[in-house]
Amino acid sequence: MDLGDALAVCMAIRDAEPQRFERAALRWLARYAVEQATSVADLRTASEAFSTMLQRPEDALRTLRRLV
């Protein structure tokens, strides 16, 4: 499963089991850090997007999709 697919899984978890979302986001961020991030700034951007997911889900998802 690539990072785009893993992001879709995170979004499904957010909708179906919100209590599990933060843990899923952390797993995704760990994979992103190892597989694709090219700087600490990239990782920070992804982390901030997940942090704003509940308040601004469209913006957060757009940012995360752009990163992968």
PDB file of N, CA and C in Angstrom:
ATOM      1  N   MET A   1       0.849  -1.160   0.000  1.00  0.00           N
ATOM      2  CA  MET A   1       0.000   0.000   0.000  1.00  0.00           C
ATOM      3  C   MET A   1       0.904   1.235   0.000  1.00  0.00           C
ATOM      4  N   ASP A   2       0.640   2.151  -0.915  1.00  0.00           N
ATOM      5  CA  ASP A   2       1.449   3.364  -0.950  1.00  0.00           C
ATOM      6  C   ASP A   2       0.897   4.403   0.030  1.00  0.00           C
ATOM      7  N   LEU A   3       1.592   5.520   0.169  1.00  0.00           N
ATOM      8  CA  LEU A   3       1.199   6.535   1.137  1.00  0.00           C
ATOM      9  C   LEU A   3      -0.152   7.168   0.816  1.00  0.00           C
ATOM     10  N   GLY A   4      -0.470   7.284  -0.464  1.00  0.00           N
ATOM     11  CA  GLY A   4      -1.780   7.809  -0.844  1.00  0.00           C
ATOM     12  C   GLY A   4      -2.901   6.902  -0.371  1.00  0.00           C
ATOM     13  N   ASP A   5      -2.710   5.602  -0.544  1.00  0.00           N
ATOM     14  CA  ASP A   5      -3.703   4.639  -0.062  1.00  0.00           C
ATOM     15  C   ASP A   5      -3.784   4.663   1.463  1.00  0.00           C
ATOM     16  N   ALA A   6      -2.632   4.758   2.120  1.00  0.00           N
ATOM     17  CA  ALA A   6      -2.611   4.810   3.581  1.00  0.00           C
ATOM     18  C   ALA A   6      -3.318   6.068   4.089  1.00  0.00           C
ATOM     19  N   LEU A   7      -3.204   7.157   3.349  1.00  0.00           N
ATOM     20  CA  LEU A   7      -3.911   8.385   3.718  1.00  0.00           C
ATOM     21  C   LEU A   7      -5.415   8.173   3.616  1.00  0.00           C
ATOM     22  N   ALA A   8      -5.857   7.483   2.579  1.00  0.00           N
ATOM     23  CA  ALA A   8      -7.285   7.177   2.434  1.00  0.00           C
ATOM     24  C   ALA A   8      -7.781   6.329   3.608  1.00  0.00           C
ATOM     25  N   VAL A   9      -6.964   5.399   4.055  1.00  0.00           N
ATOM     26  CA  VAL A   9      -7.328   4.584   5.215  1.00  0.00           C
ATOM     27  C   VAL A   9      -7.458   5.471   6.451  1.00  0.00           C
ATOM     28  N   CYS A  10      -6.522   6.396   6.630  1.00  0.00           N
ATOM     29  CA  CYS A  10      -6.609   7.330   7.773  1.00  0.00           C
ATOM     30  C   CYS A  10      -7.916   8.106   7.743  1.00  0.00           C
ATOM     31  N   MET A  11      -8.320   8.549   6.573  1.00  0.00           N
ATOM     32  CA  MET A  11      -9.556   9.318   6.456  1.00  0.00           C
ATOM     33  C   MET A  11     -10.767   8.442   6.763  1.00  0.00           C
ATOM     34  N   ALA A  12     -10.726   7.193   6.340  1.00  0.00           N
ATOM     35  CA  ALA A  12     -11.817   6.270   6.650  1.00  0.00           C
ATOM     36  C   ALA A  12     -11.907   6.030   8.156  1.00  0.00           C
ATOM     37  N   ILE A  13     -10.753   5.890   8.799  1.00  0.00           N
ATOM     38  CA  ILE A  13     -10.733   5.712  10.255  1.00  0.00           C
ATOM     39  C   ILE A  13     -11.276   6.958  10.933  1.00  0.00           C
ATOM     40  N   ARG A  14     -10.881   8.123  10.444  1.00  0.00           N
ATOM     41  CA  ARG A  14     -11.387   9.377  11.020  1.00  0.00           C
ATOM     42  C   ARG A  14     -12.909   9.411  11.011  1.00  0.00           C
ATOM     43  N   ASP A  15     -13.500   8.963   9.919  1.00  0.00           N
ATOM     44  CA  ASP A  15     -14.957   8.997   9.775  1.00  0.00           C
ATOM     45  C   ASP A  15     -15.655   7.893  10.566  1.00  0.00           C
ATOM     46  N   ALA A  16     -15.076   6.697  10.573  1.00  0.00           N
ATOM     47  CA  ALA A  16     -15.740   5.545  11.181  1.00  0.00           C
ATOM     48  C   ALA A  16     -15.412   5.350  12.661  1.00  0.00           C
ATOM     49  N   GLU A  17     -14.175   5.622  13.031  1.00  0.00           N
ATOM     50  CA  GLU A  17     -13.726   5.387  14.406  1.00  0.00           C
ATOM     51  C   GLU A  17     -12.825   6.535  14.852  1.00  0.00           C
ATOM     52  N   PRO A  18     -13.414   7.708  15.095  1.00  0.00           N
ATOM     53  CA  PRO A  18     -12.602   8.882  15.392  1.00  0.00           C
ATOM     54  C   PRO A  18     -11.644   8.716  16.571  1.00  0.00           C
ATOM     55  N   GLN A  19     -11.962   7.853  17.508  1.00  0.00           N
ATOM     56  CA  GLN A  19     -11.070   7.641  18.646  1.00  0.00           C
ATOM     57  C   GLN A  19      -9.758   6.987  18.223  1.00  0.00           C
ATOM     58  N   ARG A  20      -9.722   6.362  17.069  1.00  0.00           N
ATOM     59  CA  ARG A  20      -8.503   5.722  16.552  1.00  0.00           C
ATOM     60  C   ARG A  20      -7.734   6.612  15.578  1.00  0.00           C
ATOM     61  N   PHE A  21      -8.294   7.770  15.241  1.00  0.00           N
ATOM     62  CA  PHE A  21      -7.707   8.604  14.190  1.00  0.00           C
ATOM     63  C   PHE A  21      -6.300   9.086  14.531  1.00  0.00           C
ATOM     64  N   GLU A  22      -6.095   9.571  15.742  1.00  0.00           N
ATOM     65  CA  GLU A  22      -4.780  10.122  16.074  1.00  0.00           C
ATOM     66  C   GLU A  22      -3.692   9.060  15.948  1.00  0.00           C
ATOM     67  N   ARG A  23      -3.971   7.866  16.382  1.00  0.00           N
ATOM     68  CA  ARG A  23      -2.980   6.780  16.261  1.00  0.00           C
ATOM     69  C   ARG A  23      -2.705   6.451  14.794  1.00  0.00           C
ATOM     70  N   ALA A  24      -3.759   6.438  13.980  1.00  0.00           N
ATOM     71  CA  ALA A  24      -3.579   6.196  12.543  1.00  0.00           C
ATOM     72  C   ALA A  24      -2.752   7.314  11.910  1.00  0.00           C
ATOM     73  N   ALA A  25      -3.008   8.543  12.315  1.00  0.00           N
ATOM     74  CA  ALA A  25      -2.245   9.679  11.789  1.00  0.00           C
ATOM     75  C   ALA A  25      -0.770   9.558  12.175  1.00  0.00           C
ATOM     76  N   LEU A  26      -0.507   9.150  13.395  1.00  0.00           N
ATOM     77  CA  LEU A  26       0.878   8.971  13.830  1.00  0.00           C
ATOM     78  C   LEU A  26       1.587   7.895  13.013  1.00  0.00           C
ATOM     79  N   ARG A  27       0.893   6.806  12.734  1.00  0.00           N
ATOM     80  CA  ARG A  27       1.503   5.747  11.906  1.00  0.00           C
ATOM     81  C   ARG A  27       1.794   6.277  10.510  1.00  0.00           C
ATOM     82  N   TRP A  28       0.852   7.047   9.952  1.00  0.00           N
ATOM     83  CA  TRP A  28       1.053   7.603   8.620  1.00  0.00           C
ATOM     84  C   TRP A  28       2.254   8.551   8.629  1.00  0.00           C
ATOM     85  N   LEU A  29       2.339   9.409   9.646  1.00  0.00           N
ATOM     86  CA  LEU A  29       3.460  10.342   9.730  1.00  0.00           C
ATOM     87  C   LEU A  29       4.798   9.609   9.831  1.00  0.00           C
ATOM     88  N   ALA A  30       4.822   8.516  10.572  1.00  0.00           N
ATOM     89  CA  ALA A  30       6.057   7.732  10.687  1.00  0.00           C
ATOM     90  C   ALA A  30       6.458   7.175   9.324  1.00  0.00           C
ATOM     91  N   ARG A  31       5.511   6.642   8.601  1.00  0.00           N
ATOM     92  CA  ARG A  31       5.808   6.125   7.252  1.00  0.00           C
ATOM     93  C   ARG A  31       6.272   7.243   6.346  1.00  0.00           C
ATOM     94  N   TYR A  32       5.581   8.369   6.411  1.00  0.00           N
ATOM     95  CA  TYR A  32       5.951   9.515   5.574  1.00  0.00           C
ATOM     96  C   TYR A  32       7.382   9.952   5.876  1.00  0.00           C
ATOM     97  N   ALA A  33       7.742  10.011   7.139  1.00  0.00           N
ATOM     98  CA  ALA A  33       9.087  10.423   7.532  1.00  0.00           C
ATOM     99  C   ALA A  33      10.141   9.500   6.942  1.00  0.00           C
ATOM    100  N   VAL A  34       9.874   8.217   6.952  1.00  0.00           N
ATOM    101  CA  VAL A  34      10.847   7.232   6.476  1.00  0.00           C
ATOM    102  C   VAL A  34      10.861   7.135   4.951  1.00  0.00           C
ATOM    103  N   GLU A  35       9.694   7.177   4.339  1.00  0.00           N
ATOM    104  CA  GLU A  35       9.585   6.877   2.914  1.00  0.00           C
ATOM    105  C   GLU A  35       9.672   8.074   1.983  1.00  0.00           C
ATOM    106  N   GLN A  36       9.276   9.256   2.458  1.00  0.00           N
ATOM    107  CA  GLN A  36       9.139  10.324   1.478  1.00  0.00           C
ATOM    108  C   GLN A  36       9.591  11.702   1.921  1.00  0.00           C
ATOM    109  N   ALA A  37       9.487  12.052   3.159  1.00  0.00           N
ATOM    110  CA  ALA A  37       9.838  13.398   3.597  1.00  0.00           C
ATOM    111  C   ALA A  37      11.295  13.691   3.246  1.00  0.00           C
ATOM    112  N   THR A  38      11.532  14.884   2.758  1.00  0.00           N
ATOM    113  CA  THR A  38      12.895  15.267   2.398  1.00  0.00           C
ATOM    114  C   THR A  38      13.472  16.290   3.361  1.00  0.00           C
ATOM    115  N   SER A  39      12.647  16.737   4.310  1.00  0.00           N
ATOM    116  CA  SER A  39      13.131  17.709   5.293  1.00  0.00           C
ATOM    117  C   SER A  39      12.242  17.672   6.534  1.00  0.00           C
ATOM    118  N   VAL A  40      12.753  18.262   7.590  1.00  0.00           N
ATOM    119  CA  VAL A  40      11.956  18.401   8.809  1.00  0.00           C
ATOM    120  C   VAL A  40      10.746  19.291   8.512  1.00  0.00           C
ATOM    121  N   ALA A  41      10.925  20.265   7.649  1.00  0.00           N
ATOM    122  CA  ALA A  41       9.817  21.153   7.286  1.00  0.00           C
ATOM    123  C   ALA A  41       8.678  20.374   6.632  1.00  0.00           C
ATOM    124  N   ASP A  42       9.007  19.400   5.773  1.00  0.00           N
ATOM    125  CA  ASP A  42       7.967  18.559   5.165  1.00  0.00           C
ATOM    126  C   ASP A  42       7.194  17.800   6.231  1.00  0.00           C
ATOM    127  N   LEU A  43       7.920  17.227   7.170  1.00  0.00           N
ATOM    128  CA  LEU A  43       7.278  16.470   8.240  1.00  0.00           C
ATOM    129  C   LEU A  43       6.423  17.384   9.118  1.00  0.00           C
ATOM    130  N   ARG A  44       6.912  18.570   9.389  1.00  0.00           N
ATOM    131  CA  ARG A  44       6.152  19.536  10.175  1.00  0.00           C
ATOM    132  C   ARG A  44       4.862  19.926   9.450  1.00  0.00           C
ATOM    133  N   THR A  45       4.937  20.142   8.142  1.00  0.00           N
ATOM    134  CA  THR A  45       3.761  20.483   7.356  1.00  0.00           C
ATOM    135  C   THR A  45       2.718  19.383   7.435  1.00  0.00           C
ATOM    136  N   ALA A  46       3.156  18.143   7.299  1.00  0.00           N
ATOM    137  CA  ALA A  46       2.230  17.011   7.378  1.00  0.00           C
ATOM    138  C   ALA A  46       1.609  16.914   8.767  1.00  0.00           C
ATOM    139  N   SER A  47       2.427  17.079   9.784  1.00  0.00           N
ATOM    140  CA  SER A  47       1.935  17.006  11.153  1.00  0.00           C
ATOM    141  C   SER A  47       0.915  18.109  11.431  1.00  0.00           C
ATOM    142  N   GLU A  48       1.203  19.310  10.983  1.00  0.00           N
ATOM    143  CA  GLU A  48       0.272  20.417  11.178  1.00  0.00           C
ATOM    144  C   GLU A  48      -1.039  20.179  10.429  1.00  0.00           C
ATOM    145  N   ALA A  49      -0.958  19.572   9.257  1.00  0.00           N
ATOM    146  CA  ALA A  49      -2.181  19.261   8.509  1.00  0.00           C
ATOM    147  C   ALA A  49      -3.048  18.290   9.297  1.00  0.00           C
ATOM    148  N   PHE A  50      -2.448  17.248   9.844  1.00  0.00           N
ATOM    149  CA  PHE A  50      -3.224  16.320  10.666  1.00  0.00           C
ATOM    150  C   PHE A  50      -3.795  17.024  11.895  1.00  0.00           C
ATOM    151  N   SER A  51      -3.046  17.955  12.464  1.00  0.00           N
ATOM    152  CA  SER A  51      -3.518  18.673  13.651  1.00  0.00           C
ATOM    153  C   SER A  51      -4.746  19.531  13.362  1.00  0.00           C
ATOM    154  N   THR A  52      -4.869  19.998  12.138  1.00  0.00           N
ATOM    155  CA  THR A  52      -6.013  20.845  11.773  1.00  0.00           C
ATOM    156  C   THR A  52      -7.135  20.069  11.089  1.00  0.00           C
ATOM    157  N   MET A  53      -6.997  18.757  11.014  1.00  0.00           N
ATOM    158  CA  MET A  53      -7.952  17.928  10.279  1.00  0.00           C
ATOM    159  C   MET A  53      -9.389  18.117  10.761  1.00  0.00           C
ATOM    160  N   LEU A  54      -9.627  18.241  12.037  1.00  0.00           N
ATOM    161  CA  LEU A  54     -10.998  18.357  12.538  1.00  0.00           C
ATOM    162  C   LEU A  54     -11.588  19.737  12.271  1.00  0.00           C
ATOM    163  N   GLN A  55     -10.757  20.773  12.295  1.00  0.00           N
ATOM    164  CA  GLN A  55     -11.256  22.126  12.067  1.00  0.00           C
ATOM    165  C   GLN A  55     -11.382  22.475  10.586  1.00  0.00           C
ATOM    166  N   ARG A  56     -10.406  22.048   9.793  1.00  0.00           N
ATOM    167  CA  ARG A  56     -10.389  22.383   8.365  1.00  0.00           C
ATOM    168  C   ARG A  56     -10.017  21.147   7.539  1.00  0.00           C
ATOM    169  N   PRO A  57     -10.914  20.163   7.489  1.00  0.00           N
ATOM    170  CA  PRO A  57     -10.550  18.890   6.850  1.00  0.00           C
ATOM    171  C   PRO A  57     -10.182  19.008   5.375  1.00  0.00           C
ATOM    172  N   GLU A  58     -10.860  19.869   4.635  1.00  0.00           N
ATOM    173  CA  GLU A  58     -10.557  19.981   3.200  1.00  0.00           C
ATOM    174  C   GLU A  58      -9.150  20.528   2.980  1.00  0.00           C
ATOM    175  N   ASP A  59      -8.801  21.575   3.732  1.00  0.00           N
ATOM    176  CA  ASP A  59      -7.461  22.150   3.607  1.00  0.00           C
ATOM    177  C   ASP A  59      -6.392  21.150   4.027  1.00  0.00           C
ATOM    178  N   ALA A  60      -6.639  20.470   5.136  1.00  0.00           N
ATOM    179  CA  ALA A  60      -5.672  19.494   5.637  1.00  0.00           C
ATOM    180  C   ALA A  60      -5.452  18.370   4.631  1.00  0.00           C
ATOM    181  N   LEU A  61      -6.526  17.847   4.101  1.00  0.00           N
ATOM    182  CA  LEU A  61      -6.413  16.749   3.142  1.00  0.00           C
ATOM    183  C   LEU A  61      -5.719  17.206   1.858  1.00  0.00           C
ATOM    184  N   ARG A  62      -6.011  18.408   1.408  1.00  0.00           N
ATOM    185  CA  ARG A  62      -5.355  18.945   0.214  1.00  0.00           C
ATOM    186  C   ARG A  62      -3.837  19.033   0.450  1.00  0.00           C
ATOM    187  N   THR A  63      -3.431  19.509   1.612  1.00  0.00           N
ATOM    188  CA  THR A  63      -2.011  19.610   1.939  1.00  0.00           C
ATOM    189  C   THR A  63      -1.357  18.236   1.962  1.00  0.00           C
ATOM    190  N   LEU A  64      -2.002  17.281   2.619  1.00  0.00           N
ATOM    191  CA  LEU A  64      -1.426  15.935   2.697  1.00  0.00           C
ATOM    192  C   LEU A  64      -1.337  15.269   1.325  1.00  0.00           C
ATOM    193  N   ARG A  65      -2.349  15.442   0.516  1.00  0.00           N
ATOM    194  CA  ARG A  65      -2.294  14.864  -0.849  1.00  0.00           C
ATOM    195  C   ARG A  65      -1.177  15.480  -1.666  1.00  0.00           C
ATOM    196  N   ARG A  66      -0.965  16.770  -1.481  1.00  0.00           N
ATOM    197  CA  ARG A  66       0.122  17.450  -2.211  1.00  0.00           C
ATOM    198  C   ARG A  66       1.479  16.873  -1.802  1.00  0.00           C
ATOM    199  N   LEU A  67       1.607  16.512  -0.536  1.00  0.00           N
ATOM    200  CA  LEU A  67       2.881  15.977  -0.058  1.00  0.00           C
ATOM    201  C   LEU A  67       3.181  14.582  -0.613  1.00  0.00           C
ATOM    202  N   VAL A  68       2.145  13.817  -0.906  1.00  0.00           N
ATOM    203  CA  VAL A  68       2.385  12.473  -1.436  1.00  0.00           C
ATOM    204  C   VAL A  68       2.134  12.449  -2.925  1.00  0.00           C
TER     205      VAL A  68
END
